[in-house]
């Protein structure tokens, strides 16, 4: 810090090999610009500038479109969905066990065999019609 209260700006320089390795990692789809920026604490504008300068595709006249979701984000979403489905299966299993217990209690207390009870009327729309 200077005497007048101002801070000196820190300037970092990076080797051309380092810049090319970041651009290569980006081109392989391993990381997004934002992920690289956070990991190495480099402004994302600098990384975009390096992509324009060192990209293999830039030399050929290609247009680079960055994916909105990286593989890491897709994996997190899939794991979240698996967890949600496991929870749903668990809830259904608990409900099934509860209903089976109710059937046992009905059989024990009232002598009703609900599993084999065929005296119930079919629901509307599920009756057979004679087609001739």
N, C-alpha and C. Protein backbone atom coordinates (compact mmCIF):
# COMPACT_ATOMS: atom_id res chain seq x y z
N UNK A 1 0.85 -1.17 0.00
CA UNK A 1 0.00 0.00 0.00
C UNK A 1 0.90 1.23 0.00
N UNK A 2 0.50 2.20 -0.78
CA UNK A 2 1.27 3.44 -0.87
C UNK A 2 0.89 4.39 0.27
N UNK A 3 1.69 5.44 0.44
CA UNK A 3 1.46 6.39 1.53
C UNK A 3 0.11 7.11 1.40
N UNK A 4 -0.34 7.35 0.20
CA UNK A 4 -1.60 8.07 0.03
C UNK A 4 -2.82 7.15 0.11
N UNK A 5 -2.64 5.86 0.48
CA UNK A 5 -3.75 4.95 0.70
C UNK A 5 -4.14 4.13 -0.52
N UNK A 6 -3.48 4.35 -1.64
CA UNK A 6 -3.80 3.59 -2.84
C UNK A 6 -3.00 2.29 -2.84
N UNK A 7 -3.59 1.29 -3.45
CA UNK A 7 -2.91 0.01 -3.55
C UNK A 7 -2.28 -0.14 -4.92
N UNK A 8 -1.18 -0.84 -4.94
CA UNK A 8 -0.55 -1.15 -6.22
C UNK A 8 -1.31 -2.29 -6.87
N UNK A 9 -1.48 -2.20 -8.16
CA UNK A 9 -2.14 -3.29 -8.87
C UNK A 9 -1.11 -4.37 -9.16
N UNK A 10 -1.56 -5.58 -8.93
CA UNK A 10 -0.70 -6.72 -9.19
C UNK A 10 -0.93 -7.19 -10.61
N UNK A 11 0.12 -7.40 -11.32
CA UNK A 11 0.02 -7.85 -12.69
C UNK A 11 0.69 -9.21 -12.79
N UNK A 12 -0.01 -10.17 -13.36
CA UNK A 12 0.56 -11.51 -13.52
C UNK A 12 0.76 -11.77 -15.00
N UNK A 13 1.83 -12.44 -15.31
CA UNK A 13 2.06 -12.84 -16.69
C UNK A 13 2.09 -14.36 -16.74
N UNK A 14 1.59 -14.90 -17.83
CA UNK A 14 1.50 -16.35 -17.99
C UNK A 14 2.29 -16.75 -19.23
N UNK A 15 2.89 -17.91 -19.15
CA UNK A 15 3.67 -18.40 -20.28
C UNK A 15 2.74 -18.81 -21.42
N UNK A 16 3.29 -18.84 -22.60
CA UNK A 16 2.50 -19.24 -23.77
C UNK A 16 2.08 -20.70 -23.64
N UNK A 17 2.91 -21.54 -23.05
CA UNK A 17 2.56 -22.95 -22.85
C UNK A 17 1.36 -23.09 -21.91
N UNK A 18 1.35 -22.29 -20.85
CA UNK A 18 0.22 -22.33 -19.91
C UNK A 18 -1.07 -21.91 -20.61
N UNK A 19 -0.99 -20.85 -21.39
CA UNK A 19 -2.17 -20.36 -22.11
C UNK A 19 -2.67 -21.42 -23.08
N UNK A 20 -1.75 -22.05 -23.80
CA UNK A 20 -2.14 -23.09 -24.76
C UNK A 20 -2.74 -24.30 -24.05
N UNK A 21 -2.23 -24.64 -22.86
CA UNK A 21 -2.78 -25.78 -22.12
C UNK A 21 -4.21 -25.50 -21.66
N UNK A 22 -4.49 -24.27 -21.23
CA UNK A 22 -5.85 -23.90 -20.84
C UNK A 22 -6.78 -23.95 -22.04
N UNK A 23 -6.33 -23.42 -23.17
CA UNK A 23 -7.15 -23.43 -24.38
C UNK A 23 -7.40 -24.87 -24.82
N UNK A 24 -6.39 -25.71 -24.72
CA UNK A 24 -6.53 -27.12 -25.09
C UNK A 24 -7.54 -27.82 -24.19
N UNK A 25 -7.48 -27.55 -22.89
CA UNK A 25 -8.43 -28.14 -21.93
C UNK A 25 -9.85 -27.70 -22.26
N UNK A 26 -10.00 -26.45 -22.63
CA UNK A 26 -11.31 -25.92 -23.02
C UNK A 26 -11.81 -26.59 -24.30
N UNK A 27 -10.93 -26.73 -25.29
CA UNK A 27 -11.33 -27.31 -26.58
C UNK A 27 -11.71 -28.79 -26.45
N UNK A 28 -11.08 -29.50 -25.52
CA UNK A 28 -11.41 -30.92 -25.32
C UNK A 28 -12.74 -31.07 -24.59
N UNK A 29 -13.29 -29.97 -24.08
CA UNK A 29 -14.58 -30.02 -23.39
C UNK A 29 -14.46 -30.45 -21.94
N UNK A 30 -13.26 -30.44 -21.40
CA UNK A 30 -13.06 -30.85 -20.01
C UNK A 30 -13.53 -29.79 -19.03
N UNK A 31 -13.46 -28.53 -19.43
CA UNK A 31 -13.86 -27.43 -18.55
C UNK A 31 -14.45 -26.30 -19.38
N UNK A 32 -15.30 -25.54 -18.75
CA UNK A 32 -15.83 -24.34 -19.39
C UNK A 32 -14.92 -23.17 -19.06
N UNK A 33 -15.13 -22.06 -19.72
CA UNK A 33 -14.33 -20.87 -19.46
C UNK A 33 -14.52 -20.43 -18.01
N UNK A 34 -15.76 -20.49 -17.53
CA UNK A 34 -16.04 -20.08 -16.16
C UNK A 34 -15.32 -20.98 -15.15
N UNK A 35 -15.32 -22.29 -15.41
CA UNK A 35 -14.62 -23.21 -14.51
C UNK A 35 -13.12 -22.94 -14.50
N UNK A 36 -12.54 -22.70 -15.67
CA UNK A 36 -11.10 -22.38 -15.75
C UNK A 36 -10.81 -21.07 -15.02
N UNK A 37 -11.69 -20.11 -15.20
CA UNK A 37 -11.50 -18.81 -14.56
C UNK A 37 -11.49 -18.94 -13.04
N UNK A 38 -12.41 -19.74 -12.52
CA UNK A 38 -12.47 -19.91 -11.06
C UNK A 38 -11.30 -20.73 -10.54
N UNK A 39 -10.95 -21.80 -11.27
CA UNK A 39 -9.89 -22.70 -10.80
C UNK A 39 -8.54 -21.99 -10.73
N UNK A 40 -8.22 -21.21 -11.77
CA UNK A 40 -6.91 -20.57 -11.83
C UNK A 40 -6.93 -19.10 -11.41
N UNK A 41 -8.09 -18.60 -11.03
CA UNK A 41 -8.27 -17.20 -10.61
C UNK A 41 -7.76 -16.24 -11.67
N UNK A 42 -8.28 -16.46 -12.88
CA UNK A 42 -7.93 -15.63 -14.03
C UNK A 42 -9.23 -15.06 -14.57
N UNK A 43 -9.21 -13.82 -14.98
CA UNK A 43 -10.41 -13.19 -15.53
C UNK A 43 -10.86 -13.96 -16.78
N UNK A 44 -12.16 -14.19 -16.87
CA UNK A 44 -12.67 -14.96 -18.00
C UNK A 44 -12.42 -14.25 -19.33
N UNK A 45 -12.32 -12.93 -19.29
CA UNK A 45 -12.04 -12.18 -20.51
C UNK A 45 -10.66 -12.54 -21.06
N UNK A 46 -9.71 -12.74 -20.14
CA UNK A 46 -8.36 -13.14 -20.56
C UNK A 46 -8.39 -14.51 -21.23
N UNK A 47 -9.16 -15.42 -20.66
CA UNK A 47 -9.24 -16.77 -21.23
C UNK A 47 -9.87 -16.72 -22.62
N UNK A 48 -10.92 -15.92 -22.80
CA UNK A 48 -11.51 -15.78 -24.13
C UNK A 48 -10.50 -15.19 -25.11
N UNK A 49 -9.71 -14.25 -24.65
CA UNK A 49 -8.68 -13.65 -25.51
C UNK A 49 -7.66 -14.70 -25.92
N UNK A 50 -7.28 -15.59 -24.99
CA UNK A 50 -6.33 -16.66 -25.30
C UNK A 50 -6.95 -17.65 -26.29
N UNK A 51 -8.25 -17.91 -26.13
CA UNK A 51 -8.91 -18.82 -27.07
C UNK A 51 -8.86 -18.24 -28.48
N UNK A 52 -9.12 -16.95 -28.59
CA UNK A 52 -9.05 -16.31 -29.91
C UNK A 52 -7.64 -16.38 -30.48
N UNK A 53 -6.65 -16.28 -29.62
CA UNK A 53 -5.26 -16.26 -30.09
C UNK A 53 -4.69 -17.64 -30.37
N UNK A 54 -4.97 -18.62 -29.50
CA UNK A 54 -4.28 -19.90 -29.56
C UNK A 54 -5.14 -21.09 -30.00
N UNK A 55 -6.39 -20.87 -30.24
CA UNK A 55 -7.28 -21.99 -30.56
C UNK A 55 -6.94 -22.59 -31.92
N UNK A 56 -6.94 -23.90 -31.97
CA UNK A 56 -6.72 -24.63 -33.21
C UNK A 56 -7.84 -24.32 -34.19
N UNK A 57 -9.05 -24.22 -33.68
CA UNK A 57 -10.22 -23.99 -34.53
C UNK A 57 -10.26 -22.56 -35.07
N UNK A 58 -9.72 -21.63 -34.32
CA UNK A 58 -9.72 -20.24 -34.75
C UNK A 58 -8.91 -20.09 -36.04
N UNK A 59 -7.83 -20.84 -36.15
CA UNK A 59 -6.99 -20.76 -37.35
C UNK A 59 -7.73 -21.29 -38.58
N UNK A 60 -8.62 -22.25 -38.38
CA UNK A 60 -9.33 -22.87 -39.48
C UNK A 60 -10.61 -22.12 -39.84
N UNK A 61 -10.99 -21.12 -39.05
CA UNK A 61 -12.20 -20.37 -39.33
C UNK A 61 -13.45 -20.96 -38.72
N UNK A 62 -13.32 -21.85 -37.73
CA UNK A 62 -14.47 -22.44 -37.05
C UNK A 62 -15.04 -21.47 -36.04
N UNK A 63 -16.29 -21.69 -35.70
CA UNK A 63 -16.94 -20.92 -34.64
C UNK A 63 -17.04 -21.84 -33.43
N UNK A 64 -16.56 -21.39 -32.28
CA UNK A 64 -16.60 -22.19 -31.07
C UNK A 64 -17.84 -21.80 -30.28
N UNK A 65 -18.66 -22.81 -29.96
CA UNK A 65 -19.85 -22.59 -29.16
C UNK A 65 -19.66 -23.36 -27.86
N UNK A 66 -19.67 -22.65 -26.75
CA UNK A 66 -19.47 -23.29 -25.46
C UNK A 66 -20.78 -23.90 -25.00
N UNK A 67 -20.70 -25.13 -24.51
CA UNK A 67 -21.89 -25.79 -23.99
C UNK A 67 -22.35 -25.08 -22.74
N UNK A 68 -23.66 -25.05 -22.58
CA UNK A 68 -24.20 -24.42 -21.37
C UNK A 68 -23.89 -25.28 -20.16
N UNK A 69 -24.01 -26.60 -20.36
CA UNK A 69 -23.76 -27.50 -19.24
C UNK A 69 -22.50 -28.31 -19.51
N UNK A 70 -21.65 -28.37 -18.55
CA UNK A 70 -20.48 -29.21 -18.70
C UNK A 70 -20.82 -30.63 -18.26
N UNK A 71 -19.91 -31.53 -18.51
CA UNK A 71 -20.11 -32.93 -18.11
C UNK A 71 -20.31 -33.03 -16.61
N UNK A 72 -19.60 -32.21 -15.88
CA UNK A 72 -19.70 -32.22 -14.42
C UNK A 72 -21.11 -31.83 -13.96
N UNK A 73 -21.68 -30.82 -14.60
CA UNK A 73 -23.03 -30.38 -14.23
C UNK A 73 -24.06 -31.44 -14.61
N UNK A 74 -23.85 -32.09 -15.77
CA UNK A 74 -24.76 -33.15 -16.19
C UNK A 74 -24.72 -34.32 -15.21
N UNK A 75 -23.52 -34.65 -14.73
CA UNK A 75 -23.38 -35.74 -13.76
C UNK A 75 -24.08 -35.39 -12.46
N UNK A 76 -23.92 -34.16 -11.98
CA UNK A 76 -24.59 -33.74 -10.76
C UNK A 76 -26.11 -33.82 -10.91
N UNK A 77 -26.62 -33.41 -12.07
CA UNK A 77 -28.06 -33.46 -12.32
C UNK A 77 -28.55 -34.91 -12.34
N UNK A 78 -27.77 -35.80 -12.96
CA UNK A 78 -28.15 -37.21 -13.02
C UNK A 78 -28.15 -37.83 -11.63
N UNK A 79 -27.14 -37.52 -10.82
CA UNK A 79 -27.08 -38.05 -9.46
C UNK A 79 -28.23 -37.53 -8.62
N UNK A 80 -28.58 -36.28 -8.82
CA UNK A 80 -29.72 -35.71 -8.11
C UNK A 80 -31.01 -36.43 -8.50
N UNK A 81 -31.17 -36.72 -9.78
CA UNK A 81 -32.36 -37.43 -10.26
C UNK A 81 -32.42 -38.84 -9.71
N UNK A 82 -31.27 -39.53 -9.64
CA UNK A 82 -31.22 -40.88 -9.08
C UNK A 82 -31.63 -40.84 -7.61
N UNK A 83 -31.13 -39.86 -6.87
CA UNK A 83 -31.48 -39.74 -5.46
C UNK A 83 -32.98 -39.51 -5.29
N UNK A 84 -33.54 -38.67 -6.15
CA UNK A 84 -34.98 -38.38 -6.11
C UNK A 84 -35.79 -39.65 -6.39
N UNK A 85 -35.37 -40.42 -7.38
CA UNK A 85 -36.09 -41.64 -7.72
C UNK A 85 -35.95 -42.70 -6.63
N UNK A 86 -34.77 -42.80 -6.01
CA UNK A 86 -34.59 -43.74 -4.90
C UNK A 86 -35.52 -43.38 -3.75
N UNK A 87 -35.66 -42.10 -3.48
CA UNK A 87 -36.55 -41.64 -2.40
C UNK A 87 -38.00 -42.00 -2.74
N UNK A 88 -38.38 -41.82 -4.00
CA UNK A 88 -39.73 -42.15 -4.43
C UNK A 88 -40.00 -43.65 -4.30
N UNK A 89 -39.04 -44.48 -4.67
CA UNK A 89 -39.19 -45.94 -4.54
C UNK A 89 -39.33 -46.30 -3.07
N UNK A 90 -38.54 -45.68 -2.21
CA UNK A 90 -38.63 -45.93 -0.78
C UNK A 90 -40.00 -45.59 -0.22
N UNK A 91 -40.55 -44.45 -0.65
CA UNK A 91 -41.89 -44.06 -0.19
C UNK A 91 -42.94 -45.05 -0.66
N UNK A 92 -42.83 -45.51 -1.89
CA UNK A 92 -43.78 -46.50 -2.42
C UNK A 92 -43.67 -47.82 -1.66
N UNK A 93 -42.45 -48.20 -1.29
CA UNK A 93 -42.25 -49.44 -0.54
C UNK A 93 -42.90 -49.34 0.84
N UNK A 94 -42.76 -48.20 1.49
CA UNK A 94 -43.38 -48.00 2.80
C UNK A 94 -44.91 -48.08 2.68
N UNK A 95 -45.45 -47.45 1.64
CA UNK A 95 -46.90 -47.48 1.42
C UNK A 95 -47.39 -48.90 1.17
N UNK A 96 -46.64 -49.66 0.39
CA UNK A 96 -47.00 -51.04 0.09
C UNK A 96 -47.00 -51.89 1.37
N UNK A 97 -45.96 -51.72 2.20
CA UNK A 97 -45.90 -52.47 3.46
C UNK A 97 -47.05 -52.09 4.38
N UNK A 98 -47.42 -50.81 4.40
CA UNK A 98 -48.53 -50.34 5.22
C UNK A 98 -49.84 -51.00 4.77
N UNK A 99 -50.07 -51.02 3.46
CA UNK A 99 -51.31 -51.62 2.95
C UNK A 99 -51.35 -53.13 3.22
N UNK A 100 -50.22 -53.80 3.09
CA UNK A 100 -50.18 -55.24 3.38
C UNK A 100 -50.48 -55.50 4.86
N UNK A 101 -49.99 -54.62 5.74
CA UNK A 101 -50.26 -54.76 7.17
C UNK A 101 -51.75 -54.55 7.45
N UNK A 102 -52.37 -53.58 6.77
CA UNK A 102 -53.81 -53.36 6.92
C UNK A 102 -54.60 -54.59 6.49
N UNK A 103 -54.19 -55.22 5.42
CA UNK A 103 -54.87 -56.43 4.95
C UNK A 103 -54.75 -57.54 5.98
N UNK A 104 -53.57 -57.69 6.57
CA UNK A 104 -53.37 -58.71 7.62
C UNK A 104 -54.27 -58.43 8.82
N UNK A 105 -54.33 -57.15 9.25
CA UNK A 105 -55.16 -56.79 10.40
C UNK A 105 -56.64 -57.01 10.10
N UNK A 106 -57.07 -56.68 8.89
CA UNK A 106 -58.47 -56.90 8.52
C UNK A 106 -58.80 -58.39 8.55
N UNK A 107 -57.88 -59.21 8.12
CA UNK A 107 -58.08 -60.66 8.13
C UNK A 107 -58.13 -61.17 9.57
N UNK A 108 -57.21 -60.67 10.42
CA UNK A 108 -57.15 -61.14 11.80
C UNK A 108 -58.34 -60.67 12.63
N UNK A 109 -58.74 -59.41 12.51
CA UNK A 109 -59.80 -58.87 13.36
C UNK A 109 -61.21 -59.13 12.83
N UNK A 110 -61.39 -59.06 11.52
CA UNK A 110 -62.74 -59.15 10.96
C UNK A 110 -62.97 -60.39 10.12
N UNK A 111 -61.94 -61.17 9.94
CA UNK A 111 -62.07 -62.38 9.15
C UNK A 111 -62.27 -62.11 7.67
N UNK A 112 -61.85 -60.94 7.21
CA UNK A 112 -61.98 -60.59 5.80
C UNK A 112 -60.69 -60.95 5.06
N UNK A 113 -60.81 -61.69 3.99
CA UNK A 113 -59.64 -62.00 3.18
C UNK A 113 -59.68 -61.06 1.98
N UNK A 114 -59.10 -59.89 2.14
CA UNK A 114 -59.17 -58.87 1.11
C UNK A 114 -58.37 -59.23 -0.14
N UNK A 115 -57.37 -60.07 0.01
CA UNK A 115 -56.57 -60.45 -1.15
C UNK A 115 -57.37 -61.33 -2.11
N UNK A 116 -58.24 -62.16 -1.58
CA UNK A 116 -58.99 -63.08 -2.41
C UNK A 116 -60.45 -62.67 -2.57
N UNK A 117 -60.81 -61.52 -2.07
CA UNK A 117 -62.20 -61.07 -2.12
C UNK A 117 -62.55 -60.70 -3.56
N UNK A 118 -63.40 -61.51 -4.18
CA UNK A 118 -63.77 -61.25 -5.57
C UNK A 118 -65.20 -60.77 -5.69
N UNK A 119 -65.83 -60.43 -4.55
CA UNK A 119 -67.22 -60.00 -4.59
C UNK A 119 -67.36 -58.52 -4.92
N UNK A 120 -66.28 -57.84 -5.10
CA UNK A 120 -66.37 -56.42 -5.41
C UNK A 120 -66.81 -56.23 -6.85
N UNK A 121 -67.57 -55.19 -7.06
CA UNK A 121 -68.09 -54.90 -8.39
C UNK A 121 -67.00 -54.25 -9.24
N UNK A 122 -66.95 -54.56 -10.54
CA UNK A 122 -65.96 -53.91 -11.40
C UNK A 122 -66.27 -52.43 -11.52
N UNK A 123 -65.24 -51.65 -11.77
CA UNK A 123 -65.40 -50.22 -11.92
C UNK A 123 -66.08 -49.91 -13.24
N UNK A 124 -66.74 -48.76 -13.32
CA UNK A 124 -67.38 -48.34 -14.56
C UNK A 124 -66.32 -48.27 -15.65
N UNK A 125 -66.67 -48.77 -16.83
CA UNK A 125 -65.75 -48.72 -17.94
C UNK A 125 -64.85 -49.94 -18.05
N UNK A 126 -64.85 -50.79 -17.01
CA UNK A 126 -63.99 -51.95 -17.08
C UNK A 126 -64.79 -53.25 -17.29
N UNK A 127 -66.11 -53.12 -17.51
CA UNK A 127 -66.92 -54.30 -17.75
C UNK A 127 -66.82 -54.71 -19.20
N UNK A 128 -67.01 -55.99 -19.44
CA UNK A 128 -66.92 -56.50 -20.81
C UNK A 128 -68.23 -56.20 -21.53
N UNK A 129 -68.10 -55.90 -22.79
CA UNK A 129 -69.29 -55.66 -23.62
C UNK A 129 -69.32 -56.73 -24.69
N UNK A 130 -70.51 -57.11 -25.05
CA UNK A 130 -70.68 -58.11 -26.12
C UNK A 130 -70.59 -57.43 -27.45
N UNK A 131 -69.63 -57.82 -28.24
CA UNK A 131 -69.49 -57.26 -29.58
C UNK A 131 -69.86 -58.35 -30.57
N UNK A 132 -70.88 -58.12 -31.35
CA UNK A 132 -71.33 -59.12 -32.32
C UNK A 132 -71.28 -58.59 -33.71
